[in-house]
Structure formats: C-alpha cells, structure tokens
Amino acid sequence: MSLRFRQLQAFHAVIETGTVTGAAALLGISQPGISNLLAQLERQTQLRLFERVKGRLHPTPEAGVLFQEIDTVVRGLDHVAQAVTDLQNQKAGQLQVVSPHALSIGFIPREIARFAESRPNLSISFQAQYSARIQEWVQAGLFEIGICEVPVLSDALEAEYFSFECECAFPQGAGLARHGVLTPERLDGFPFVVMGPEHMTYRRTREAFDRTGAVWNTRVHTHLHQNTLSFVKQGFGAALVDPFTIAFDYEGGFETRPFEPQVTLDLAVITARHRPLSAVGQKFLTQLTESLAGYAV
C-alpha cells in the first residue's frame, strides 16, 4: 500500500481542526480537494474513517488509531517544510562568528541581536578569542566569519581591512580635559596603562612619544582592551582605547580626547577562501562590514 503524504496531511488537518473547512484553510487548498483526499485515503486503506452526522464529520475509532500513528510523522514533516522555507528566506540556519575580546562585550552581541531579530529560528555560535587562534579557527572551518587584528597570516583567508582610531581615555578629574587634543608633549610623564609590547597600539604609541622626546611613563601592562579602560577608571593613568570598548562602556568614570598623532587599531574581517559562505553567513557578513565601516577612519 502506497499512501501519499498529502492524504495523511489532509486527514490530520481534519482531525486537528474538526472540520473540512478548517482543514482547507490550514492547508491552503479547496474544501473539495480535502474531501477528495479523504475519499482516496479511505479507498486505499479500506477503512471508514469518518461518520457524517448532521453535516459534520465525526472520526471513527479506526480514525483515532490512525491519527495517533501519523501525528508525529505529519508534524515532523511540517517542521521540515518550515525549516526549508526559513532557510530559503534566511530566517534559519547557523551563524558562526568569532571575534577579538574588544568587540565581544557590546558590538558583536548587538550586531547578532539585530540580525537575529527577524530570524527566530537562527542557531548562533559565538566566541571571543585572540587573533592568531581566530585565524586558525576560520581556516579550519570551525567558524564561518572571524574578526581579527592584522596581520592576516594565511593566503587561505579572504580579508577585508578596517582601521579604527584610538582615543585617549583618562580618569575624571585628571586635569587633561582642558585640552581639546592630547599629544605626547601634553602627556609627558603622565602614567599610562598599555597593552603588551607586541601589540600594535603599544608600538605606535611608543613611536609617537619617541619622535617628540616626551617621556612615556608606562605604569600598568595588560592584555585586554577592556582591562586598560578598567585601570583608567581606577585612576592608574591614561590609555589609548579602541572606539568599541569606549562606545559600549556604560559605567563612566573617565573622559576621552583625540590623540595626535593618530594611533589606529587595524582589524580584518576574515572568511575561508575556498569554503563558500552559507546564505545566512553572507547576509550577516554584509551587515557586519557595513556596521564596522561606521566606526572606521
């Protein structure tokens, strides 16, 4: 016996809604179409599935048993059909993103929330990691989209580059707010909170002070952008901080001014060169790069 899914779906819908009219509306087909599918099912099964009483269909005991057997199947296939539709409309799927810590506190969660708002069935995988590991993970296929600090070390990665101007953050009441712009000369001897010596912002700030002969007084060394700002707020000194860490800090306790000469944090959005992005990944990548461009110089 070869039963058609549409027959079982019509039967299931009549039981669920209680009427042929309801089943027709649920499935988007005509009432005669529903009646025809039920007749086909009764002929093939050689079972009487409904009794008509005063113009209404009442399921027979046999119909009750059949309904229990097919309920899970019909619901499961309905879910599959919905999943296909969601994928076609980019409302489902899996979003896989990895970023440096500086973007992980506020910026990336906000971007993912914006993206997921119209995609309630979206599965999300997100991690914050150091840049070398981010590049390894994207190249290995563990994540579709990565954001990392430059340089990008592998030709197997596609990259789009952005530069972001760091601002000089300092504790409230430090007396630096009278300046519209801070320079090495104006910060001569002022204590600084800095990233590690290998970090691009450390090297570029040191070069700026060296060129002027001003004293760069490095008091605290740390490894995360959020940590530099936290130490600033505790009064340990000034720091050059990326715009994402500043924008998504809601506690206050510090002030900022532009720093000259400009010191930038350079990032790249990376994907695997020989692995095509999913439709969801491509859509998020477009949103992400547009948002990053709004912060870039």
C-alpha atoms as a PDB file:
ATOM      1  CA  MET A   1       0.000   0.000   0.000  1.00  0.00           C
ATOM      2  CA  SER A   2       1.434   3.380  -1.023  1.00  0.00           C
ATOM      3  CA  LEU A   3      -0.107   6.218   0.970  1.00  0.00           C
ATOM      4  CA  ARG A   4       0.536   9.766  -0.171  1.00  0.00           C
ATOM      5  CA  PHE A   5       1.671  12.310   2.399  1.00  0.00           C
ATOM      6  CA  ARG A   6      -0.906  14.822   1.184  1.00  0.00           C
ATOM      7  CA  GLN A   7      -3.694  12.341   2.020  1.00  0.00           C
ATOM      8  CA  LEU A   8      -2.336  11.862   5.542  1.00  0.00           C
ATOM      9  CA  GLN A   9      -1.872  15.610   5.913  1.00  0.00           C
ATOM     10  CA  ALA A  10      -5.498  16.272   4.931  1.00  0.00           C
ATOM     11  CA  PHE A  11      -6.737  13.586   7.329  1.00  0.00           C
ATOM     12  CA  HIS A  12      -4.578  15.001  10.122  1.00  0.00           C
ATOM     13  CA  ALA A  13      -5.806  18.546   9.462  1.00  0.00           C
ATOM     14  CA  VAL A  14      -9.487  17.483   9.602  1.00  0.00           C
ATOM     15  CA  ILE A  15      -8.931  15.800  12.965  1.00  0.00           C
ATOM     16  CA  GLU A  16      -6.962  18.795  14.268  1.00  0.00           C
ATOM     17  CA  THR A  17      -9.425  21.482  13.154  1.00  0.00           C
ATOM     18  CA  GLY A  18     -12.634  19.445  13.419  1.00  0.00           C
ATOM     19  CA  THR A  19     -13.996  20.461  10.009  1.00  0.00           C
ATOM     20  CA  VAL A  20     -13.231  20.197   6.300  1.00  0.00           C
ATOM     21  CA  THR A  21     -13.443  23.984   6.139  1.00  0.00           C
ATOM     22  CA  GLY A  22     -10.813  24.346   8.840  1.00  0.00           C
ATOM     23  CA  ALA A  23      -8.546  21.788   7.191  1.00  0.00           C
ATOM     24  CA  ALA A  24      -8.847  23.551   3.831  1.00  0.00           C
ATOM     25  CA  ALA A  25      -7.882  26.869   5.401  1.00  0.00           C
ATOM     26  CA  LEU A  26      -4.965  25.298   7.276  1.00  0.00           C
ATOM     27  CA  LEU A  27      -3.505  23.612   4.205  1.00  0.00           C
ATOM     28  CA  GLY A  28      -4.392  26.275   1.703  1.00  0.00           C
ATOM     29  CA  ILE A  29      -6.420  24.024  -0.603  1.00  0.00           C
ATOM     30  CA  SER A  30     -10.117  23.870  -1.502  1.00  0.00           C
ATOM     31  CA  GLN A  31     -12.776  22.035   0.516  1.00  0.00           C
ATOM     32  CA  PRO A  32     -13.500  19.677  -2.421  1.00  0.00           C
ATOM     33  CA  GLY A  33      -9.767  18.980  -2.525  1.00  0.00           C
ATOM     34  CA  ILE A  34      -9.811  17.937   1.152  1.00  0.00           C
ATOM     35  CA  SER A  35     -12.868  15.729   0.602  1.00  0.00           C
ATOM     36  CA  ASN A  36     -11.213  14.098  -2.408  1.00  0.00           C
ATOM     37  CA  LEU A  37      -8.039  13.319  -0.428  1.00  0.00           C
ATOM     38  CA  LEU A  38     -10.083  11.787   2.399  1.00  0.00           C
ATOM     39  CA  ALA A  39     -12.007   9.624  -0.083  1.00  0.00           C
ATOM     40  CA  GLN A  40      -8.737   8.428  -1.635  1.00  0.00           C
ATOM     41  CA  LEU A  41      -7.357   7.563   1.812  1.00  0.00           C
ATOM     42  CA  GLU A  42     -10.474   5.556   2.748  1.00  0.00           C
ATOM     43  CA  ARG A  43     -10.333   3.646  -0.543  1.00  0.00           C
ATOM     44  CA  GLN A  44      -6.660   2.780  -0.171  1.00  0.00           C
ATOM     45  CA  THR A  45      -6.900   1.782   3.480  1.00  0.00           C
ATOM     46  CA  GLN A  46     -10.327   0.156   3.073  1.00  0.00           C
ATOM     47  CA  LEU A  47     -11.256   1.828   6.338  1.00  0.00           C
ATOM     48  CA  ARG A  48     -14.213   4.019   7.181  1.00  0.00           C
ATOM     49  CA  LEU A  49     -12.562   6.979   8.859  1.00  0.00           C
ATOM     50  CA  PHE A  50     -15.449   9.408   9.333  1.00  0.00           C
ATOM     51  CA  GLU A  51     -19.158   9.294  10.028  1.00  0.00           C
ATOM     52  CA  ARG A  52     -21.175  12.230   8.747  1.00  0.00           C
ATOM     53  CA  VAL A  53     -23.709  13.355  11.383  1.00  0.00           C
ATOM     54  CA  LYS A  54     -25.842  16.423  10.716  1.00  0.00           C
ATOM     55  CA  GLY A  55     -23.399  17.687   8.159  1.00  0.00           C
ATOM     56  CA  ARG A  56     -20.340  17.242  10.339  1.00  0.00           C
ATOM     57  CA  LEU A  57     -17.561  14.646  10.145  1.00  0.00           C
ATOM     58  CA  HIS A  58     -17.003  12.549  13.251  1.00  0.00           C
ATOM     59  CA  PRO A  59     -13.866  10.365  13.401  1.00  0.00           C
ATOM     60  CA  THR A  60     -14.415   6.635  13.767  1.00  0.00           C
ATOM     61  CA  PRO A  61     -12.394   4.586  16.301  1.00  0.00           C
ATOM     62  CA  GLU A  62     -10.195   3.474  13.397  1.00  0.00           C
ATOM     63  CA  ALA A  63      -9.513   7.114  12.603  1.00  0.00           C
ATOM     64  CA  GLY A  64      -8.429   7.696  16.189  1.00  0.00           C
ATOM     65  CA  VAL A  65      -5.877   4.882  15.992  1.00  0.00           C
ATOM     66  CA  LEU A  66      -4.558   6.076  12.607  1.00  0.00           C
ATOM     67  CA  PHE A  67      -4.270   9.636  13.870  1.00  0.00           C
ATOM     68  CA  GLN A  68      -2.052   8.553  16.777  1.00  0.00           C
ATOM     69  CA  GLU A  69       0.248   6.697  14.363  1.00  0.00           C
ATOM     70  CA  ILE A  70       0.683   9.527  11.873  1.00  0.00           C
ATOM     71  CA  ASP A  71       0.612  12.538  14.206  1.00  0.00           C
ATOM     72  CA  THR A  72       4.378  12.558  14.844  1.00  0.00           C
ATOM     73  CA  VAL A  73       5.165  11.929  11.172  1.00  0.00           C
ATOM     74  CA  VAL A  74       2.959  14.745   9.892  1.00  0.00           C
ATOM     75  CA  ARG A  75       4.206  17.224  12.484  1.00  0.00           C
ATOM     76  CA  GLY A  76       7.796  16.246  11.763  1.00  0.00           C
ATOM     77  CA  LEU A  77       7.442  16.745   8.030  1.00  0.00           C
ATOM     78  CA  ASP A  78       5.651  20.037   8.626  1.00  0.00           C
ATOM     79  CA  HIS A  79       8.672  21.148  10.659  1.00  0.00           C
ATOM     80  CA  VAL A  80      10.981  20.070   7.846  1.00  0.00           C
ATOM     81  CA  ALA A  81       8.940  22.039   5.324  1.00  0.00           C
ATOM     82  CA  GLN A  82       9.029  25.095   7.590  1.00  0.00           C
ATOM     83  CA  ALA A  83      12.778  24.727   8.047  1.00  0.00           C
ATOM     84  CA  VAL A  84      13.254  24.669   4.270  1.00  0.00           C
ATOM     85  CA  THR A  85      11.136  27.805   3.933  1.00  0.00           C
ATOM     86  CA  ASP A  86      13.086  29.518   6.709  1.00  0.00           C
ATOM     87  CA  LEU A  87      16.390  28.618   5.053  1.00  0.00           C
ATOM     88  CA  GLN A  88      15.137  29.950   1.735  1.00  0.00           C
ATOM     89  CA  ASN A  89      14.138  33.185   3.464  1.00  0.00           C
ATOM     90  CA  GLN A  90      17.380  33.215   5.511  1.00  0.00           C
ATOM     91  CA  LYS A  91      15.384  33.004   8.746  1.00  0.00           C
ATOM     92  CA  ALA A  92      17.044  29.825   9.980  1.00  0.00           C
ATOM     93  CA  GLY A  93      20.440  28.206   9.770  1.00  0.00           C
ATOM     94  CA  GLN A  94      23.552  28.609  11.862  1.00  0.00           C
ATOM     95  CA  LEU A  95      25.542  31.778  12.371  1.00  0.00           C
ATOM     96  CA  GLN A  96      29.167  31.128  13.378  1.00  0.00           C
ATOM     97  CA  VAL A  97      31.212  34.169  14.411  1.00  0.00           C
ATOM     98  CA  VAL A  98      34.441  34.635  16.359  1.00  0.00           C
ATOM     99  CA  SER A  99      35.927  38.000  17.301  1.00  0.00           C
ATOM    100  CA  PRO A 100      38.610  39.594  19.477  1.00  0.00           C
ATOM    101  CA  HIS A 101      37.645  40.497  23.015  1.00  0.00           C
ATOM    102  CA  ALA A 102      37.426  44.220  22.249  1.00  0.00           C
ATOM    103  CA  LEU A 103      34.344  43.627  20.076  1.00  0.00           C
ATOM    104  CA  SER A 104      32.829  40.826  22.144  1.00  0.00           C
ATOM    105  CA  ILE A 105      31.385  42.815  25.051  1.00  0.00           C
ATOM    106  CA  GLY A 106      28.962  45.040  23.182  1.00  0.00           C
ATOM    107  CA  PHE A 107      29.476  45.413  19.454  1.00  0.00           C
ATOM    108  CA  ILE A 108      29.149  41.811  18.221  1.00  0.00           C
ATOM    109  CA  PRO A 109      26.253  40.877  20.574  1.00  0.00           C
ATOM    110  CA  ARG A 110      24.411  43.967  19.311  1.00  0.00           C
ATOM    111  CA  GLU A 111      25.038  43.041  15.673  1.00  0.00           C
ATOM    112  CA  ILE A 112      23.920  39.455  16.232  1.00  0.00           C
ATOM    113  CA  ALA A 113      20.794  40.656  18.051  1.00  0.00           C
ATOM    114  CA  ARG A 114      19.933  42.957  15.128  1.00  0.00           C
ATOM    115  CA  PHE A 115      20.458  40.113  12.682  1.00  0.00           C
ATOM    116  CA  ALA A 116      18.502  37.537  14.694  1.00  0.00           C
ATOM    117  CA  GLU A 117      15.508  39.796  15.280  1.00  0.00           C
ATOM    118  CA  SER A 118      13.795  38.647  12.076  1.00  0.00           C
ATOM    119  CA  ARG A 119      15.233  35.117  12.271  1.00  0.00           C
ATOM    120  CA  PRO A 120      13.729  33.491  15.383  1.00  0.00           C
ATOM    121  CA  ASN A 121      14.995  30.015  14.479  1.00  0.00           C
ATOM    122  CA  LEU A 122      18.603  31.078  13.947  1.00  0.00           C
ATOM    123  CA  SER A 123      21.207  28.978  15.759  1.00  0.00           C
ATOM    124  CA  ILE A 124      24.137  31.119  16.959  1.00  0.00           C
ATOM    125  CA  SER A 125      27.699  30.146  17.821  1.00  0.00           C
ATOM    126  CA  PHE A 126      29.920  32.992  19.045  1.00  0.00           C
ATOM    127  CA  GLN A 127      33.250  33.089  20.847  1.00  0.00           C
ATOM    128  CA  ALA A 128      35.853  35.699  21.735  1.00  0.00           C
ATOM    129  CA  GLN A 129      39.466  34.701  21.205  1.00  0.00           C
ATOM    130  CA  TYR A 130      42.943  36.002  20.443  1.00  0.00           C
ATOM    131  CA  SER A 131      43.659  36.899  16.828  1.00  0.00           C
ATOM    132  CA  ALA A 132      46.063  34.077  15.947  1.00  0.00           C
ATOM    133  CA  ARG A 133      43.565  31.481  17.171  1.00  0.00           C
ATOM    134  CA  ILE A 134      40.706  33.257  15.353  1.00  0.00           C
ATOM    135  CA  GLN A 135      42.567  32.860  12.071  1.00  0.00           C
ATOM    136  CA  GLU A 136      43.214  29.164  12.780  1.00  0.00           C
ATOM    137  CA  TRP A 137      39.558  28.514  13.608  1.00  0.00           C
ATOM    138  CA  VAL A 138      38.189  30.221  10.492  1.00  0.00           C
ATOM    139  CA  GLN A 139      40.710  28.458   8.263  1.00  0.00           C
ATOM    140  CA  ALA A 140      39.777  25.097   9.837  1.00  0.00           C
ATOM    141  CA  GLY A 141      36.057  25.706   9.303  1.00  0.00           C
ATOM    142  CA  LEU A 142      35.131  25.908  12.986  1.00  0.00           C
ATOM    143  CA  PHE A 143      33.684  29.389  12.373  1.00  0.00           C
ATOM    144  CA  GLU A 144      32.445  30.951   9.142  1.00  0.00           C
ATOM    145  CA  ILE A 145      33.262  34.565   9.953  1.00  0.00           C
ATOM    146  CA  GLY A 146      36.075  35.974  12.035  1.00  0.00           C
ATOM    147  CA  ILE A 147      37.311  39.411  13.012  1.00  0.00           C
ATOM    148  CA  CYS A 148      40.976  39.603  13.943  1.00  0.00           C
ATOM    149  CA  GLU A 149      43.829  42.019  14.376  1.00  0.00           C
ATOM    150  CA  VAL A 150      46.236  42.316  11.479  1.00  0.00           C
ATOM    151  CA  PRO A 151      48.342  40.862  10.002  1.00  0.00           C
ATOM    152  CA  VAL A 152      46.355  38.064   8.365  1.00  0.00           C
ATOM    153  CA  LEU A 153      48.871  35.252   8.223  1.00  0.00           C
ATOM    154  CA  SER A 154      47.425  32.825   5.654  1.00  0.00           C
ATOM    155  CA  ASP A 155      46.662  33.077   1.949  1.00  0.00           C
ATOM    156  CA  ALA A 156      43.786  30.655   2.609  1.00  0.00           C
ATOM    157  CA  LEU A 157      41.818  33.505   4.187  1.00  0.00           C
ATOM    158  CA  GLU A 158      39.859  36.236   2.448  1.00  0.00           C
ATOM    159  CA  ALA A 159      40.157  39.535   4.323  1.00  0.00           C
ATOM    160  CA  GLU A 160      38.538  42.963   4.327  1.00  0.00           C
ATOM    161  CA  TYR A 161      40.545  45.532   6.283  1.00  0.00           C
ATOM    162  CA  PHE A 162      39.449  48.351   8.589  1.00  0.00           C
ATOM    163  CA  SER A 163      41.332  50.895  10.701  1.00  0.00           C
ATOM    164  CA  PHE A 164      39.860  52.410  13.865  1.00  0.00           C
ATOM    165  CA  GLU A 165      41.176  55.500  15.613  1.00  0.00           C
ATOM    166  CA  CYS A 166      42.006  55.061  19.291  1.00  0.00           C
ATOM    167  CA  GLU A 167      41.090  57.838  21.688  1.00  0.00           C
ATOM    168  CA  CYS A 168      42.998  58.798  24.802  1.00  0.00           C
ATOM    169  CA  ALA A 169      40.972  57.883  27.882  1.00  0.00           C
ATOM    170  CA  PHE A 170      41.914  59.326  31.276  1.00  0.00           C
ATOM    171  CA  PRO A 171      40.392  59.414  34.771  1.00  0.00           C
ATOM    172  CA  GLN A 172      37.822  62.063  35.543  1.00  0.00           C
ATOM    173  CA  GLY A 173      39.426  64.963  37.345  1.00  0.00           C
ATOM    174  CA  ALA A 174      42.885  64.284  35.975  1.00  0.00           C
ATOM    175  CA  GLY A 175      43.182  67.820  34.610  1.00  0.00           C
ATOM    176  CA  LEU A 176      43.595  66.731  30.989  1.00  0.00           C
ATOM    177  CA  ALA A 177      40.068  67.689  29.955  1.00  0.00           C
ATOM    178  CA  ARG A 178      41.145  71.289  29.361  1.00  0.00           C
ATOM    179  CA  HIS A 179      42.886  70.139  26.183  1.00  0.00           C
ATOM    180  CA  GLY A 180      40.870  69.602  23.020  1.00  0.00           C
ATOM    181  CA  VAL A 181      43.516  67.204  21.729  1.00  0.00           C
ATOM    182  CA  LEU A 182      46.134  65.240  23.655  1.00  0.00           C
ATOM    183  CA  THR A 183      49.675  64.852  22.371  1.00  0.00           C
ATOM    184  CA  PRO A 184      52.836  63.187  23.686  1.00  0.00           C
ATOM    185  CA  GLU A 185      54.056  66.598  24.850  1.00  0.00           C
ATOM    186  CA  ARG A 186      50.879  67.182  26.891  1.00  0.00           C
ATOM    187  CA  LEU A 187      51.144  63.674  28.343  1.00  0.00           C
ATOM    188  CA  ASP A 188      54.877  63.924  29.097  1.00  0.00           C
ATOM    189  CA  GLY A 189      55.473  61.805  32.210  1.00  0.00           C
ATOM    190  CA  PHE A 190      51.753  61.099  32.778  1.00  0.00           C
ATOM    191  CA  PRO A 191      51.231  57.455  33.821  1.00  0.00           C
ATOM    192  CA  PHE A 192      49.877  55.125  31.116  1.00  0.00           C
ATOM    193  CA  VAL A 193      48.003  51.841  31.023  1.00  0.00           C
ATOM    194  CA  VAL A 194      49.175  49.889  27.980  1.00  0.00           C
ATOM    195  CA  MET A 195      48.679  46.673  26.065  1.00  0.00           C
ATOM    196  CA  GLY A 196      51.608  44.236  25.836  1.00  0.00           C
ATOM    197  CA  PRO A 197      54.788  45.312  24.000  1.00  0.00           C
ATOM    198  CA  GLU A 198      53.907  43.223  20.943  1.00  0.00           C
ATOM    199  CA  HIS A 199      50.580  44.920  20.421  1.00  0.00           C
ATOM    200  CA  MET A 200      50.250  47.405  17.538  1.00  0.00           C
ATOM    201  CA  THR A 201      48.887  50.172  19.766  1.00  0.00           C
ATOM    202  CA  TYR A 202      51.862  49.807  22.129  1.00  0.00           C
ATOM    203  CA  ARG A 203      54.377  50.060  19.288  1.00  0.00           C
ATOM    204  CA  ARG A 204      52.637  53.011  17.638  1.00  0.00           C
ATOM    205  CA  THR A 205      52.250  54.952  20.895  1.00  0.00           C
ATOM    206  CA  ARG A 206      55.888  54.365  21.811  1.00  0.00           C
ATOM    207  CA  GLU A 207      56.947  55.635  18.371  1.00  0.00           C
ATOM    208  CA  ALA A 208      54.833  58.773  18.832  1.00  0.00           C
ATOM    209  CA  PHE A 209      56.495  59.573  22.165  1.00  0.00           C
ATOM    210  CA  ASP A 210      59.975  58.731  20.861  1.00  0.00           C
ATOM    211  CA  ARG A 211      59.616  61.142  17.942  1.00  0.00           C
ATOM    212  CA  THR A 212      58.891  64.057  20.269  1.00  0.00           C
ATOM    213  CA  GLY A 213      61.268  63.149  23.075  1.00  0.00           C
ATOM    214  CA  ALA A 214      58.397  63.135  25.595  1.00  0.00           C
ATOM    215  CA  VAL A 215      58.564  60.622  28.443  1.00  0.00           C
ATOM    216  CA  TRP A 216      56.135  57.720  28.082  1.00  0.00           C
ATOM    217  CA  ASN A 217      55.519  56.601  31.637  1.00  0.00           C
ATOM    218  CA  THR A 218      54.065  53.056  31.301  1.00  0.00           C
ATOM    219  CA  ARG A 219      52.677  52.092  34.697  1.00  0.00           C
ATOM    220  CA  VAL A 220      50.333  49.157  34.005  1.00  0.00           C
ATOM    221  CA  HIS A 221      50.736  46.468  31.335  1.00  0.00           C
ATOM    222  CA  THR A 222      47.702  44.315  30.493  1.00  0.00           C
ATOM    223  CA  HIS A 223      46.411  42.140  27.651  1.00  0.00           C
ATOM    224  CA  LEU A 224      42.782  43.161  27.040  1.00  0.00           C
ATOM    225  CA  HIS A 225      41.354  46.462  25.822  1.00  0.00           C
ATOM    226  CA  GLN A 226      38.615  46.285  28.454  1.00  0.00           C
ATOM    227  CA  ASN A 227      41.283  45.917  31.139  1.00  0.00           C
ATOM    228  CA  THR A 228      43.075  49.060  30.010  1.00  0.00           C
ATOM    229  CA  LEU A 229      39.897  51.089  30.391  1.00  0.00           C
ATOM    230  CA  SER A 230      39.130  49.482  33.756  1.00  0.00           C
ATOM    231  CA  PHE A 231      42.523  50.554  35.087  1.00  0.00           C
ATOM    232  CA  VAL A 232      41.958  54.055  33.716  1.00  0.00           C
ATOM    233  CA  LYS A 233      38.677  54.280  35.638  1.00  0.00           C
ATOM    234  CA  GLN A 234      40.512  53.190  38.794  1.00  0.00           C
ATOM    235  CA  GLY A 235      42.881  56.146  38.419  1.00  0.00           C
ATOM    236  CA  PHE A 236      46.035  54.347  37.272  1.00  0.00           C
ATOM    237  CA  GLY A 237      46.643  56.598  34.254  1.00  0.00           C
ATOM    238  CA  ALA A 238      45.694  57.294  30.663  1.00  0.00           C
ATOM    239  CA  ALA A 239      45.324  54.775  27.848  1.00  0.00           C
ATOM    240  CA  LEU A 240      44.735  54.719  24.118  1.00  0.00           C
ATOM    241  CA  VAL A 241      41.490  52.784  23.774  1.00  0.00           C
ATOM    242  CA  ASP A 242      39.628  51.491  20.710  1.00  0.00           C
ATOM    243  CA  PRO A 243      36.208  53.012  19.864  1.00  0.00           C
ATOM    244  CA  PHE A 244      34.279  49.781  20.562  1.00  0.00           C
ATOM    245  CA  THR A 245      35.461  49.500  24.161  1.00  0.00           C
ATOM    246  CA  ILE A 246      34.615  53.164  24.736  1.00  0.00           C
ATOM    247  CA  ALA A 247      31.231  53.059  22.990  1.00  0.00           C
ATOM    248  CA  PHE A 248      29.958  50.052  24.935  1.00  0.00           C
ATOM    249  CA  ASP A 249      31.130  51.108  28.392  1.00  0.00           C
ATOM    250  CA  TYR A 250      28.135  52.400  30.327  1.00  0.00           C
ATOM    251  CA  GLU A 251      29.727  52.931  33.749  1.00  0.00           C
ATOM    252  CA  GLY A 252      31.623  56.151  33.058  1.00  0.00           C
ATOM    253  CA  GLY A 253      34.338  57.377  35.380  1.00  0.00           C
ATOM    254  CA  PHE A 254      36.612  58.508  32.565  1.00  0.00           C
ATOM    255  CA  GLU A 255      36.878  61.115  29.838  1.00  0.00           C
ATOM    256  CA  THR A 256      38.338  60.947  26.341  1.00  0.00           C
ATOM    257  CA  ARG A 257      40.085  63.215  23.896  1.00  0.00           C
ATOM    258  CA  PRO A 258      41.535  62.645  20.410  1.00  0.00           C
ATOM    259  CA  PHE A 259      45.225  61.784  20.379  1.00  0.00           C
ATOM    260  CA  GLU A 260      47.721  63.140  17.880  1.00  0.00           C
ATOM    261  CA  PRO A 261      49.495  61.664  16.055  1.00  0.00           C
ATOM    262  CA  GLN A 262      46.727  59.250  15.256  1.00  0.00           C
ATOM    263  CA  VAL A 263      47.098  55.713  16.622  1.00  0.00           C
ATOM    264  CA  THR A 264      44.877  53.098  14.984  1.00  0.00           C
ATOM    265  CA  LEU A 265      43.716  49.604  15.758  1.00  0.00           C
ATOM    266  CA  ASP A 266      43.730  47.654  12.478  1.00  0.00           C
ATOM    267  CA  LEU A 267      41.296  44.751  12.086  1.00  0.00           C
ATOM    268  CA  ALA A 268      40.322  42.370   9.312  1.00  0.00           C
ATOM    269  CA  VAL A 269      37.064  40.533   8.698  1.00  0.00           C
ATOM    270  CA  ILE A 270      38.092  37.082   7.508  1.00  0.00           C
ATOM    271  CA  THR A 271      36.451  34.087   5.824  1.00  0.00           C
ATOM    272  CA  ALA A 272      37.902  30.894   4.381  1.00  0.00           C
ATOM    273  CA  ARG A 273      38.917  31.485   0.758  1.00  0.00           C
ATOM    274  CA  HIS A 274      37.979  28.035  -0.552  1.00  0.00           C
ATOM    275  CA  ARG A 275      34.862  27.429   1.558  1.00  0.00           C
ATOM    276  CA  PRO A 276      31.690  29.174   0.351  1.00  0.00           C
ATOM    277  CA  LEU A 277      29.659  31.020   2.946  1.00  0.00           C
ATOM    278  CA  SER A 278      26.147  29.906   3.819  1.00  0.00           C
ATOM    279  CA  ALA A 279      23.323  32.239   2.813  1.00  0.00           C
ATOM    280  CA  VAL A 280      22.959  33.263   6.461  1.00  0.00           C
ATOM    281  CA  GLY A 281      26.696  33.873   6.773  1.00  0.00           C
ATOM    282  CA  GLN A 282      26.792  36.005   3.640  1.00  0.00           C
ATOM    283  CA  LYS A 283      23.876  38.105   4.830  1.00  0.00           C
ATOM    284  CA  PHE A 284      25.464  38.683   8.240  1.00  0.00           C
ATOM    285  CA  LEU A 285      28.823  39.467   6.652  1.00  0.00           C
ATOM    286  CA  THR A 286      27.213  42.282   4.662  1.00  0.00           C
ATOM    287  CA  GLN A 287      25.607  43.743   7.792  1.00  0.00           C
ATOM    288  CA  LEU A 288      28.809  43.369   9.797  1.00  0.00           C
ATOM    289  CA  THR A 289      31.084  45.124   7.320  1.00  0.00           C
ATOM    290  CA  GLU A 290      28.609  47.983   6.924  1.00  0.00           C
ATOM    291  CA  SER A 291      28.489  48.467  10.704  1.00  0.00           C
ATOM    292  CA  LEU A 292      32.273  48.305  11.076  1.00  0.00           C
ATOM    293  CA  ALA A 293      32.641  50.904   8.339  1.00  0.00           C
ATOM    294  CA  GLY A 294      30.655  53.305  10.521  1.00  0.00           C
ATOM    295  CA  TYR A 295      33.446  53.234  13.136  1.00  0.00           C
ATOM    296  CA  ALA A 296      36.398  53.172  10.738  1.00  0.00           C
ATOM    297  CA  VAL A 297      38.662  56.018   9.674  1.00  0.00           C
END
